[in-house]
PDB file of all heavy atoms in Angstrom:
ATOM      1  N   VAL A   1       4.061   5.807  -1.151  1.00  0.00           N
ATOM      2  CA  VAL A   1       3.372   4.899  -0.226  1.00  0.00           C
ATOM      3  C   VAL A   1       4.310   3.777   0.201  1.00  0.00           C
ATOM      4  O   VAL A   1       4.382   3.399   1.390  1.00  0.00           O
ATOM      5  CB  VAL A   1       2.044   4.383  -0.799  1.00  0.00           C
ATOM      6  CG1 VAL A   1       1.488   3.224   0.098  1.00  0.00           C
ATOM      7  CG2 VAL A   1       1.026   5.457  -0.942  1.00  0.00           C
ATOM      8  N   LYS A   2       5.062   3.258  -0.746  1.00  0.00           N
ATOM      9  CA  LYS A   2       6.013   2.143  -0.440  1.00  0.00           C
ATOM     10  C   LYS A   2       7.075   2.659   0.506  1.00  0.00           C
ATOM     11  O   LYS A   2       7.500   1.926   1.444  1.00  0.00           O
ATOM     12  CB  LYS A   2       6.657   1.571  -1.743  1.00  0.00           C
ATOM     13  CG  LYS A   2       5.747   0.598  -2.492  1.00  0.00           C
ATOM     14  CD  LYS A   2       6.466  -0.238  -3.528  1.00  0.00           C
ATOM     15  CE  LYS A   2       6.680   0.569  -4.803  1.00  0.00           C
ATOM     16  NZ  LYS A   2       7.251  -0.223  -5.840  1.00  0.00           N
ATOM     17  N   LEU A   3       7.566   3.882   0.270  1.00  0.00           N
ATOM     18  CA  LEU A   3       8.543   4.485   1.216  1.00  0.00           C
ATOM     19  C   LEU A   3       7.970   4.638   2.596  1.00  0.00           C
ATOM     20  O   LEU A   3       8.649   4.424   3.598  1.00  0.00           O
ATOM     21  CB  LEU A   3       9.025   5.853   0.675  1.00  0.00           C
ATOM     22  CG  LEU A   3       9.982   5.765  -0.575  1.00  0.00           C
ATOM     23  CD1 LEU A   3      10.141   7.200  -1.163  1.00  0.00           C
ATOM     24  CD2 LEU A   3      11.327   5.170  -0.188  1.00  0.00           C
ATOM     25  N   GLY A   4       6.689   5.130   2.618  1.00  0.00           N
ATOM     26  CA  GLY A   4       6.000   5.280   3.870  1.00  0.00           C
ATOM     27  C   GLY A   4       5.857   3.882   4.635  1.00  0.00           C
ATOM     28  O   GLY A   4       6.049   3.792   5.829  1.00  0.00           O
ATOM     29  N   ALA A   5       5.546   2.833   3.882  1.00  0.00           N
ATOM     30  CA  ALA A   5       5.392   1.500   4.468  1.00  0.00           C
ATOM     31  C   ALA A   5       6.757   1.041   4.984  1.00  0.00           C
ATOM     32  O   ALA A   5       6.826   0.469   6.105  1.00  0.00           O
ATOM     33  CB  ALA A   5       4.871   0.509   3.443  1.00  0.00           C
ATOM     34  N   ALA A   6       7.817   1.277   4.201  1.00  0.00           N
ATOM     35  CA  ALA A   6       9.179   0.854   4.636  1.00  0.00           C
ATOM     36  C   ALA A   6       9.592   1.621   5.888  1.00  0.00           C
ATOM     37  O   ALA A   6      10.274   1.008   6.751  1.00  0.00           O
ATOM     38  CB  ALA A   6      10.169   1.129   3.510  1.00  0.00           C
ATOM     39  N   SER A   7       9.174   2.851   6.063  1.00  0.00           N
ATOM     40  CA  SER A   7       9.545   3.624   7.242  1.00  0.00           C
ATOM     41  C   SER A   7       8.986   3.075   8.530  1.00  0.00           C
ATOM     42  O   SER A   7       9.381   3.398   9.632  1.00  0.00           O
ATOM     43  CB  SER A   7       9.138   5.080   7.079  1.00  0.00           C
ATOM     44  OG  SER A   7       7.725   5.259   7.178  1.00  0.00           O
ATOM     45  N   LEU A   8       7.934   2.227   8.403  1.00  0.00           N
ATOM     46  CA  LEU A   8       7.295   1.655   9.621  1.00  0.00           C
ATOM     47  C   LEU A   8       8.192   0.631  10.276  1.00  0.00           C
ATOM     48  O   LEU A   8       8.102   0.321  11.462  1.00  0.00           O
ATOM     49  CB  LEU A   8       5.981   0.966   9.246  1.00  0.00           C
ATOM     50  CG  LEU A   8       4.814   1.884   8.844  1.00  0.00           C
ATOM     51  CD1 LEU A   8       3.648   1.016   8.304  1.00  0.00           C
ATOM     52  CD2 LEU A   8       4.349   2.753   9.991  1.00  0.00           C
ATOM     53  N   GLY A   9       9.164   0.094   9.457  1.00  0.00           N
ATOM     54  CA  GLY A   9      10.060  -0.957   9.995  1.00  0.00           C
ATOM     55  C   GLY A   9       9.507  -2.324   9.820  1.00  0.00           C
ATOM     56  O   GLY A   9       8.294  -2.513   9.775  1.00  0.00           O
ATOM     57  N   SER A  10      10.386  -3.277   9.793  1.00  0.00           N
ATOM     58  CA  SER A  10       9.980  -4.682   9.544  1.00  0.00           C
ATOM     59  C   SER A  10       9.269  -5.373  10.757  1.00  0.00           C
ATOM     60  O   SER A  10       8.838  -6.473  10.606  1.00  0.00           O
ATOM     61  CB  SER A  10      11.272  -5.498   9.201  1.00  0.00           C
ATOM     62  OG  SER A  10      12.195  -5.419  10.178  1.00  0.00           O
ATOM     63  N   ASP A  11       9.198  -4.669  11.882  1.00  0.00           N
ATOM     64  CA  ASP A  11       8.547  -5.266  12.994  1.00  0.00           C
ATOM     65  C   ASP A  11       7.070  -5.091  12.986  1.00  0.00           C
ATOM     66  O   ASP A  11       6.342  -5.560  13.877  1.00  0.00           O
ATOM     67  CB  ASP A  11       9.122  -4.702  14.379  1.00  0.00           C
ATOM     68  CG  ASP A  11       8.939  -3.212  14.432  1.00  0.00           C
ATOM     69  OD1 ASP A  11       8.882  -2.528  13.363  1.00  0.00           O
ATOM     70  OD2 ASP A  11       8.893  -2.648  15.553  1.00  0.00           O
ATOM     71  N   ASP A  12       6.541  -4.412  11.965  1.00  0.00           N
ATOM     72  CA  ASP A  12       5.111  -4.225  11.826  1.00  0.00           C
ATOM     73  C   ASP A  12       4.671  -4.528  10.413  1.00  0.00           C
ATOM     74  O   ASP A  12       4.081  -3.672   9.706  1.00  0.00           O
ATOM     75  CB  ASP A  12       4.735  -2.776  12.224  1.00  0.00           C
ATOM     76  CG  ASP A  12       3.222  -2.575  12.434  1.00  0.00           C
ATOM     77  OD1 ASP A  12       2.486  -3.615  12.354  1.00  0.00           O
ATOM     78  OD2 ASP A  12       2.810  -1.491  12.647  1.00  0.00           O
ATOM     79  N   PRO A  13       4.852  -5.837   9.971  1.00  0.00           N
ATOM     80  CA  PRO A  13       4.524  -6.184   8.603  1.00  0.00           C
ATOM     81  C   PRO A  13       3.064  -6.067   8.220  1.00  0.00           C
ATOM     82  O   PRO A  13       2.734  -5.760   7.066  1.00  0.00           O
ATOM     83  CB  PRO A  13       5.070  -7.584   8.485  1.00  0.00           C
ATOM     84  CG  PRO A  13       4.998  -8.142   9.899  1.00  0.00           C
ATOM     85  CD  PRO A  13       5.331  -7.003  10.743  1.00  0.00           C
ATOM     86  N   GLU A  14       2.161  -6.337   9.157  1.00  0.00           N
ATOM     87  CA  GLU A  14       0.716  -6.324   8.891  1.00  0.00           C
ATOM     88  C   GLU A  14       0.261  -4.912   8.519  1.00  0.00           C
ATOM     89  O   GLU A  14      -0.570  -4.732   7.645  1.00  0.00           O
ATOM     90  CB  GLU A  14      -0.128  -6.843  10.062  1.00  0.00           C
ATOM     91  CG  GLU A  14       0.046  -8.349  10.370  1.00  0.00           C
ATOM     92  CD  GLU A  14      -0.565  -9.269   9.287  1.00  0.00           C
ATOM     93  OE1 GLU A  14      -1.261  -8.731   8.340  1.00  0.00           O
ATOM     94  OE2 GLU A  14      -0.412 -10.469   9.354  1.00  0.00           O
ATOM     95  N   THR A  15       0.796  -3.904   9.236  1.00  0.00           N
ATOM     96  CA  THR A  15       0.436  -2.510   8.857  1.00  0.00           C
ATOM     97  C   THR A  15       1.007  -2.117   7.569  1.00  0.00           C
ATOM     98  O   THR A  15       0.397  -1.373   6.755  1.00  0.00           O
ATOM     99  CB  THR A  15       0.929  -1.530  10.015  1.00  0.00           C
ATOM    100  OG1 THR A  15       0.349  -1.950  11.259  1.00  0.00           O
ATOM    101  CG2 THR A  15       0.431  -0.142   9.735  1.00  0.00           C
ATOM    102  N   GLN A  16       2.198  -2.617   7.258  1.00  0.00           N
ATOM    103  CA  GLN A  16       2.786  -2.374   5.945  1.00  0.00           C
ATOM    104  C   GLN A  16       1.909  -2.929   4.817  1.00  0.00           C
ATOM    105  O   GLN A  16       1.664  -2.298   3.837  1.00  0.00           O
ATOM    106  CB  GLN A  16       4.179  -3.038   5.819  1.00  0.00           C
ATOM    107  CG  GLN A  16       5.263  -2.336   6.671  1.00  0.00           C
ATOM    108  CD  GLN A  16       6.593  -3.048   6.550  1.00  0.00           C
ATOM    109  OE1 GLN A  16       6.682  -4.238   6.500  1.00  0.00           O
ATOM    110  NE2 GLN A  16       7.643  -2.298   6.571  1.00  0.00           N
ATOM    111  N   VAL A  17       1.352  -4.115   5.094  1.00  0.00           N
ATOM    112  CA  VAL A  17       0.391  -4.756   4.124  1.00  0.00           C
ATOM    113  C   VAL A  17      -0.846  -3.896   3.946  1.00  0.00           C
ATOM    114  O   VAL A  17      -1.351  -3.767   2.810  1.00  0.00           O
ATOM    115  CB  VAL A  17       0.029  -6.181   4.594  1.00  0.00           C
ATOM    116  CG1 VAL A  17      -1.080  -6.785   3.685  1.00  0.00           C
ATOM    117  CG2 VAL A  17       1.291  -7.095   4.523  1.00  0.00           C
ATOM    118  N   VAL A  18      -1.292  -3.323   5.057  1.00  0.00           N
ATOM    119  CA  VAL A  18      -2.510  -2.483   4.944  1.00  0.00           C
ATOM    120  C   VAL A  18      -2.276  -1.304   4.021  1.00  0.00           C
ATOM    121  O   VAL A  18      -3.094  -0.975   3.164  1.00  0.00           O
ATOM    122  CB  VAL A  18      -2.933  -1.954   6.358  1.00  0.00           C
ATOM    123  CG1 VAL A  18      -4.034  -0.869   6.265  1.00  0.00           C
ATOM    124  CG2 VAL A  18      -3.451  -3.098   7.207  1.00  0.00           C
ATOM    125  N   LEU A  19      -1.109  -0.631   4.185  1.00  0.00           N
ATOM    126  CA  LEU A  19      -0.764   0.449   3.277  1.00  0.00           C
ATOM    127  C   LEU A  19      -0.595   0.034   1.784  1.00  0.00           C
ATOM    128  O   LEU A  19      -1.127   0.702   0.934  1.00  0.00           O
ATOM    129  CB  LEU A  19       0.558   1.120   3.751  1.00  0.00           C
ATOM    130  CG  LEU A  19       0.462   2.207   4.775  1.00  0.00           C
ATOM    131  CD1 LEU A  19       1.865   2.626   5.232  1.00  0.00           C
ATOM    132  CD2 LEU A  19      -0.324   3.412   4.213  1.00  0.00           C
ATOM    133  N   ILE A  20       0.090  -1.069   1.608  1.00  0.00           N
ATOM    134  CA  ILE A  20       0.271  -1.582   0.218  1.00  0.00           C
ATOM    135  C   ILE A  20      -1.049  -1.964  -0.374  1.00  0.00           C
ATOM    136  O   ILE A  20      -1.287  -1.679  -1.561  1.00  0.00           O
ATOM    137  CB  ILE A  20       1.268  -2.785   0.205  1.00  0.00           C
ATOM    138  CG1 ILE A  20       2.595  -2.382   0.699  1.00  0.00           C
ATOM    139  CG2 ILE A  20       1.362  -3.346  -1.198  1.00  0.00           C
ATOM    140  CD1 ILE A  20       3.302  -1.243  -0.078  1.00  0.00           C
ATOM    141  N   ASN A  21      -1.905  -2.575   0.375  1.00  0.00           N
ATOM    142  CA  ASN A  21      -3.238  -2.900  -0.125  1.00  0.00           C
ATOM    143  C   ASN A  21      -4.041  -1.666  -0.543  1.00  0.00           C
ATOM    144  O   ASN A  21      -4.755  -1.675  -1.508  1.00  0.00           O
ATOM    145  CB  ASN A  21      -4.083  -3.682   0.926  1.00  0.00           C
ATOM    146  CG  ASN A  21      -3.666  -5.176   0.967  1.00  0.00           C
ATOM    147  OD1 ASN A  21      -3.098  -5.683   0.035  1.00  0.00           O
ATOM    148  ND2 ASN A  21      -3.940  -5.771   2.062  1.00  0.00           N
ATOM    149  N   ALA A  22      -3.871  -0.599   0.259  1.00  0.00           N
ATOM    150  CA  ALA A  22      -4.591   0.670  -0.042  1.00  0.00           C
ATOM    151  C   ALA A  22      -4.155   1.230  -1.351  1.00  0.00           C
ATOM    152  O   ALA A  22      -5.040   1.669  -2.146  1.00  0.00           O
ATOM    153  CB  ALA A  22      -4.382   1.649   1.038  1.00  0.00           C
ATOM    154  N   ILE A  23      -2.893   1.216  -1.679  1.00  0.00           N
ATOM    155  CA  ILE A  23      -2.416   1.778  -2.964  1.00  0.00           C
ATOM    156  C   ILE A  23      -2.833   0.807  -4.128  1.00  0.00           C
ATOM    157  O   ILE A  23      -3.080   1.260  -5.236  1.00  0.00           O
ATOM    158  CB  ILE A  23      -0.884   2.078  -2.922  1.00  0.00           C
ATOM    159  CG1 ILE A  23      -0.499   2.842  -4.206  1.00  0.00           C
ATOM    160  CG2 ILE A  23      -0.073   0.840  -2.797  1.00  0.00           C
ATOM    161  CD1 ILE A  23      -1.123   4.197  -4.424  1.00  0.00           C
ATOM    162  N   LYS A  24      -2.873  -0.477  -3.844  1.00  0.00           N
ATOM    163  CA  LYS A  24      -3.255  -1.440  -4.881  1.00  0.00           C
ATOM    164  C   LYS A  24      -4.709  -1.160  -5.259  1.00  0.00           C
ATOM    165  O   LYS A  24      -5.042  -1.267  -6.479  1.00  0.00           O
ATOM    166  CB  LYS A  24      -3.088  -2.870  -4.361  1.00  0.00           C
ATOM    167  CG  LYS A  24      -1.656  -3.414  -4.473  1.00  0.00           C
ATOM    168  CD  LYS A  24      -1.521  -4.701  -3.752  1.00  0.00           C
ATOM    169  CE  LYS A  24      -2.244  -5.845  -4.241  1.00  0.00           C
ATOM    170  NZ  LYS A  24      -1.983  -7.118  -3.450  1.00  0.00           N
ATOM    171  N   ASP A  25      -5.543  -0.883  -4.262  1.00  0.00           N
ATOM    172  CA  ASP A  25      -6.953  -0.555  -4.547  1.00  0.00           C
ATOM    173  C   ASP A  25      -7.092   0.677  -5.450  1.00  0.00           C
ATOM    174  O   ASP A  25      -7.925   0.721  -6.369  1.00  0.00           O
ATOM    175  CB  ASP A  25      -7.716  -0.355  -3.246  1.00  0.00           C
ATOM    176  CG  ASP A  25      -7.854  -1.605  -2.400  1.00  0.00           C
ATOM    177  OD1 ASP A  25      -7.603  -2.722  -3.002  1.00  0.00           O
ATOM    178  OD2 ASP A  25      -8.253  -1.534  -1.232  1.00  0.00           O
ATOM    179  N   VAL A  26      -6.267   1.678  -5.159  1.00  0.00           N
ATOM    180  CA  VAL A  26      -6.334   2.885  -5.958  1.00  0.00           C
ATOM    181  C   VAL A  26      -5.900   2.589  -7.345  1.00  0.00           C
ATOM    182  O   VAL A  26      -6.513   3.055  -8.339  1.00  0.00           O
ATOM    183  CB  VAL A  26      -5.430   4.016  -5.293  1.00  0.00           C
ATOM    184  CG1 VAL A  26      -5.361   5.224  -6.249  1.00  0.00           C
ATOM    185  CG2 VAL A  26      -5.961   4.409  -3.952  1.00  0.00           C
ATOM    186  N   ALA A  27      -4.787   1.828  -7.479  1.00  0.00           N
ATOM    187  CA  ALA A  27      -4.319   1.495  -8.855  1.00  0.00           C
ATOM    188  C   ALA A  27      -5.311   0.684  -9.682  1.00  0.00           C
ATOM    189  O   ALA A  27      -5.559   0.952 -10.884  1.00  0.00           O
ATOM    190  CB  ALA A  27      -3.010   0.718  -8.732  1.00  0.00           C
ATOM    191  N   LYS A  28      -5.988  -0.226  -8.996  1.00  0.00           N
ATOM    192  CA  LYS A  28      -7.061  -1.050  -9.732  1.00  0.00           C
ATOM    193  C   LYS A  28      -8.195  -0.133 -10.110  1.00  0.00           C
ATOM    194  O   LYS A  28      -8.719  -0.289 -11.226  1.00  0.00           O
ATOM    195  CB  LYS A  28      -7.506  -2.155  -8.782  1.00  0.00           C
ATOM    196  CG  LYS A  28      -8.519  -3.078  -9.395  1.00  0.00           C
ATOM    197  CD  LYS A  28      -8.918  -4.226  -8.511  1.00  0.00           C
ATOM    198  CE  LYS A  28      -9.963  -5.180  -9.088  1.00  0.00           C
ATOM    199  NZ  LYS A  28     -11.256  -4.548  -9.330  1.00  0.00           N
ATOM    200  N   ALA A  29      -8.613   0.754  -9.209  1.00  0.00           N
ATOM    201  CA  ALA A  29      -9.706   1.669  -9.537  1.00  0.00           C
ATOM    202  C   ALA A  29      -9.357   2.580 -10.700  1.00  0.00           C
ATOM    203  O   ALA A  29     -10.197   2.857 -11.518  1.00  0.00           O
ATOM    204  CB  ALA A  29     -10.063   2.467  -8.306  1.00  0.00           C
ATOM    205  N   LEU A  30      -8.102   3.004 -10.772  1.00  0.00           N
ATOM    206  CA  LEU A  30      -7.657   3.855 -11.856  1.00  0.00           C
ATOM    207  C   LEU A  30      -7.673   3.104 -13.178  1.00  0.00           C
ATOM    208  O   LEU A  30      -8.126   3.602 -14.218  1.00  0.00           O
ATOM    209  CB  LEU A  30      -6.211   4.371 -11.611  1.00  0.00           C
ATOM    210  CG  LEU A  30      -5.632   5.225 -12.742  1.00  0.00           C
ATOM    211  CD1 LEU A  30      -6.466   6.462 -13.036  1.00  0.00           C
ATOM    212  CD2 LEU A  30      -4.189   5.665 -12.402  1.00  0.00           C
ATOM    213  N   SER A  31      -7.244   1.852 -13.161  1.00  0.00           N
ATOM    214  CA  SER A  31      -7.282   1.013 -14.359  1.00  0.00           C
ATOM    215  C   SER A  31      -8.725   0.841 -14.875  1.00  0.00           C
ATOM    216  O   SER A  31      -8.961   0.964 -16.070  1.00  0.00           O
ATOM    217  CB  SER A  31      -6.630  -0.374 -14.046  1.00  0.00           C
ATOM    218  OG  SER A  31      -6.779  -1.235 -15.174  1.00  0.00           O
ATOM    219  N   ASP A  32      -9.597   0.564 -13.950  1.00  0.00           N
ATOM    220  CA  ASP A  32     -11.028   0.438 -14.298  1.00  0.00           C
ATOM    221  C   ASP A  32     -11.630   1.769 -14.836  1.00  0.00           C
ATOM    222  O   ASP A  32     -12.424   1.777 -15.736  1.00  0.00           O
ATOM    223  CB  ASP A  32     -11.870   0.028 -13.053  1.00  0.00           C
ATOM    224  CG  ASP A  32     -11.515  -1.404 -12.623  1.00  0.00           C
ATOM    225  OD1 ASP A  32     -10.947  -2.168 -13.411  1.00  0.00           O
ATOM    226  OD2 ASP A  32     -11.859  -1.789 -11.503  1.00  0.00           O
ATOM    227  N   LEU A  33     -11.180   2.874 -14.230  1.00  0.00           N
ATOM    228  CA  LEU A  33     -11.632   4.195 -14.704  1.00  0.00           C
ATOM    229  C   LEU A  33     -11.152   4.500 -16.087  1.00  0.00           C
ATOM    230  O   LEU A  33     -11.942   4.966 -16.900  1.00  0.00           O
ATOM    231  CB  LEU A  33     -11.152   5.279 -13.707  1.00  0.00           C
ATOM    232  CG  LEU A  33     -11.466   6.743 -14.081  1.00  0.00           C
ATOM    233  CD1 LEU A  33     -12.973   6.908 -14.156  1.00  0.00           C
ATOM    234  CD2 LEU A  33     -10.847   7.706 -13.106  1.00  0.00           C
ATOM    235  N   ILE A  34      -9.933   4.172 -16.366  1.00  0.00           N
ATOM    236  CA  ILE A  34      -9.414   4.400 -17.745  1.00  0.00           C
ATOM    237  C   ILE A  34     -10.139   3.525 -18.765  1.00  0.00           C
ATOM    238  O   ILE A  34     -10.488   4.072 -19.815  1.00  0.00           O
ATOM    239  CB  ILE A  34      -7.858   4.132 -17.795  1.00  0.00           C
ATOM    240  CG1 ILE A  34      -7.108   5.204 -16.977  1.00  0.00           C
ATOM    241  CG2 ILE A  34      -7.379   4.106 -19.225  1.00  0.00           C
ATOM    242  CD1 ILE A  34      -5.595   4.947 -16.824  1.00  0.00           C
TER     243      ILE A  34
END
């Protein structure tokens, strides 16, 4: 996901943040599930 965000280029930081937030949500949900 980080590689995918990086591929968007630095001219679209807000969309990069959207992607990073999405994976953070998954990671938090996994921690809660464990």
